[in-house]
Amino acid sequence: MGHRDTGVEKLQPVEEARRLRIEVHDHDYSGRGLTPREPGPDDEGGRGLVLVGQLADSWGVDRSRLTSGNAVWATLSA
């Protein structure tokens, strides 16, 4: 599983009262954050946040307290 050009550092599932929160942390120190793209049918990448948005009850991007990069989080109903 790849995430931009920064690599995935940590996948952290956290169970909260019949909800599952998943966090993915990277080492992107640019501070740009992440924005969903609209990939074309022949694009090899750019679908990660689109899939997260379709599957999750809620999601977002914060600064990671573990890596100082990005932390993408999503909550799913259990």
C-alpha atoms as a PDB file:
ATOM      1  CA  MET A   1       0.000   0.000   0.000  1.00  0.00           C
ATOM      2  CA  GLY A   2       1.502   3.316  -0.984  1.00  0.00           C
ATOM      3  CA  HIS A   3       0.633   6.822   0.068  1.00  0.00           C
ATOM      4  CA  ARG A   4       1.921   9.588  -2.162  1.00  0.00           C
ATOM      5  CA  ASP A   5       5.705   9.532  -2.267  1.00  0.00           C
ATOM      6  CA  THR A   6       6.145   9.637   1.505  1.00  0.00           C
ATOM      7  CA  GLY A   7       5.326   6.037   2.460  1.00  0.00           C
ATOM      8  CA  VAL A   8       3.011   4.850   5.190  1.00  0.00           C
ATOM      9  CA  GLU A   9       4.565   4.854   8.627  1.00  0.00           C
ATOM     10  CA  LYS A  10       1.882   3.500  10.918  1.00  0.00           C
ATOM     11  CA  LEU A  11      -1.602   2.056  10.633  1.00  0.00           C
ATOM     12  CA  GLN A  12      -3.395   2.409  13.951  1.00  0.00           C
ATOM     13  CA  PRO A  13      -6.856   0.894  14.501  1.00  0.00           C
ATOM     14  CA  VAL A  14      -8.713   2.169  17.574  1.00  0.00           C
ATOM     15  CA  GLU A  15     -12.043   0.666  18.619  1.00  0.00           C
ATOM     16  CA  GLU A  16     -14.495   3.149  20.161  1.00  0.00           C
ATOM     17  CA  ALA A  17     -17.980   2.036  21.272  1.00  0.00           C
ATOM     18  CA  ARG A  18     -19.073   0.122  18.147  1.00  0.00           C
ATOM     19  CA  ARG A  19     -17.025   2.352  15.888  1.00  0.00           C
ATOM     20  CA  LEU A  20     -13.613   1.686  14.427  1.00  0.00           C
ATOM     21  CA  ARG A  21     -11.192   4.552  13.923  1.00  0.00           C
ATOM     22  CA  ILE A  22      -8.309   3.898  11.542  1.00  0.00           C
ATOM     23  CA  GLU A  23      -5.317   6.222  11.324  1.00  0.00           C
ATOM     24  CA  VAL A  24      -2.556   6.181   8.714  1.00  0.00           C
ATOM     25  CA  HIS A  25       0.534   8.266   9.506  1.00  0.00           C
ATOM     26  CA  ASP A  26       3.213   9.353   7.032  1.00  0.00           C
ATOM     27  CA  HIS A  27       6.408  11.428   6.983  1.00  0.00           C
ATOM     28  CA  ASP A  28       5.288  14.268   4.706  1.00  0.00           C
ATOM     29  CA  TYR A  29       6.686  17.344   6.471  1.00  0.00           C
ATOM     30  CA  SER A  30       5.628  19.813   3.769  1.00  0.00           C
ATOM     31  CA  GLY A  31       2.546  20.956   5.697  1.00  0.00           C
ATOM     32  CA  ARG A  32       0.477  20.922   2.483  1.00  0.00           C
ATOM     33  CA  GLY A  33      -2.021  18.426   3.861  1.00  0.00           C
ATOM     34  CA  LEU A  34      -3.903  16.168   1.471  1.00  0.00           C
ATOM     35  CA  THR A  35      -6.634  16.894  -1.013  1.00  0.00           C
ATOM     36  CA  PRO A  36      -8.769  14.290  -2.780  1.00  0.00           C
ATOM     37  CA  ARG A  37      -8.165  14.054  -6.514  1.00  0.00           C
ATOM     38  CA  GLU A  38     -10.439  12.951  -9.300  1.00  0.00           C
ATOM     39  CA  PRO A  39      -8.326  10.304 -11.049  1.00  0.00           C
ATOM     40  CA  GLY A  40      -8.955   9.350 -14.631  1.00  0.00           C
ATOM     41  CA  PRO A  41      -9.699   5.746 -15.599  1.00  0.00           C
ATOM     42  CA  ASP A  42      -6.066   5.140 -16.646  1.00  0.00           C
ATOM     43  CA  ASP A  43      -4.428   6.817 -13.625  1.00  0.00           C
ATOM     44  CA  GLU A  44      -2.458   4.426 -11.417  1.00  0.00           C
ATOM     45  CA  GLY A  45      -2.930   6.452  -8.232  1.00  0.00           C
ATOM     46  CA  GLY A  46      -5.104   9.083  -6.627  1.00  0.00           C
ATOM     47  CA  ARG A  47      -7.942   6.873  -5.433  1.00  0.00           C
ATOM     48  CA  GLY A  48      -7.035   6.472  -1.751  1.00  0.00           C
ATOM     49  CA  LEU A  49      -8.933   9.420  -0.311  1.00  0.00           C
ATOM     50  CA  VAL A  50     -11.798   8.851  -2.752  1.00  0.00           C
ATOM     51  CA  LEU A  51     -12.202   5.321  -1.363  1.00  0.00           C
ATOM     52  CA  VAL A  52     -11.896   6.521   2.227  1.00  0.00           C
ATOM     53  CA  GLY A  53     -14.604   9.110   1.591  1.00  0.00           C
ATOM     54  CA  GLN A  54     -16.924   6.486   0.095  1.00  0.00           C
ATOM     55  CA  LEU A  55     -16.451   3.895   2.845  1.00  0.00           C
ATOM     56  CA  ALA A  56     -16.051   5.926   6.042  1.00  0.00           C
ATOM     57  CA  ASP A  57     -18.743   7.497   8.193  1.00  0.00           C
ATOM     58  CA  SER A  58     -16.366  10.418   8.718  1.00  0.00           C
ATOM     59  CA  TRP A  59     -12.723  11.155   7.914  1.00  0.00           C
ATOM     60  CA  GLY A  60     -10.133  13.893   7.932  1.00  0.00           C
ATOM     61  CA  VAL A  61      -6.464  14.804   7.876  1.00  0.00           C
ATOM     62  CA  ASP A  62      -4.543  16.117  10.880  1.00  0.00           C
ATOM     63  CA  ARG A  63      -0.887  16.687  11.679  1.00  0.00           C
ATOM     64  CA  SER A  64       0.458  13.397  13.065  1.00  0.00           C
ATOM     65  CA  ARG A  65       1.539  13.428  16.694  1.00  0.00           C
ATOM     66  CA  LEU A  66       3.581  10.270  15.972  1.00  0.00           C
ATOM     67  CA  THR A  67       5.526  11.287  12.852  1.00  0.00           C
ATOM     68  CA  SER A  68       4.886  15.055  12.466  1.00  0.00           C
ATOM     69  CA  GLY A  69       3.648  14.259   8.947  1.00  0.00           C
ATOM     70  CA  ASN A  70       0.029  13.721   7.936  1.00  0.00           C
ATOM     71  CA  ALA A  71      -2.412  11.531   9.847  1.00  0.00           C
ATOM     72  CA  VAL A  72      -5.409  10.471   7.770  1.00  0.00           C
ATOM     73  CA  TRP A  73      -8.153   9.138  10.020  1.00  0.00           C
ATOM     74  CA  ALA A  74     -11.478   7.503   9.273  1.00  0.00           C
ATOM     75  CA  THR A  75     -14.287   6.160  11.431  1.00  0.00           C
ATOM     76  CA  LEU A  76     -16.401   3.168  10.438  1.00  0.00           C
ATOM     77  CA  SER A  77     -19.507   1.791  12.120  1.00  0.00           C
ATOM     78  CA  ALA A  78     -18.957  -1.634  13.639  1.00  0.00           C
END
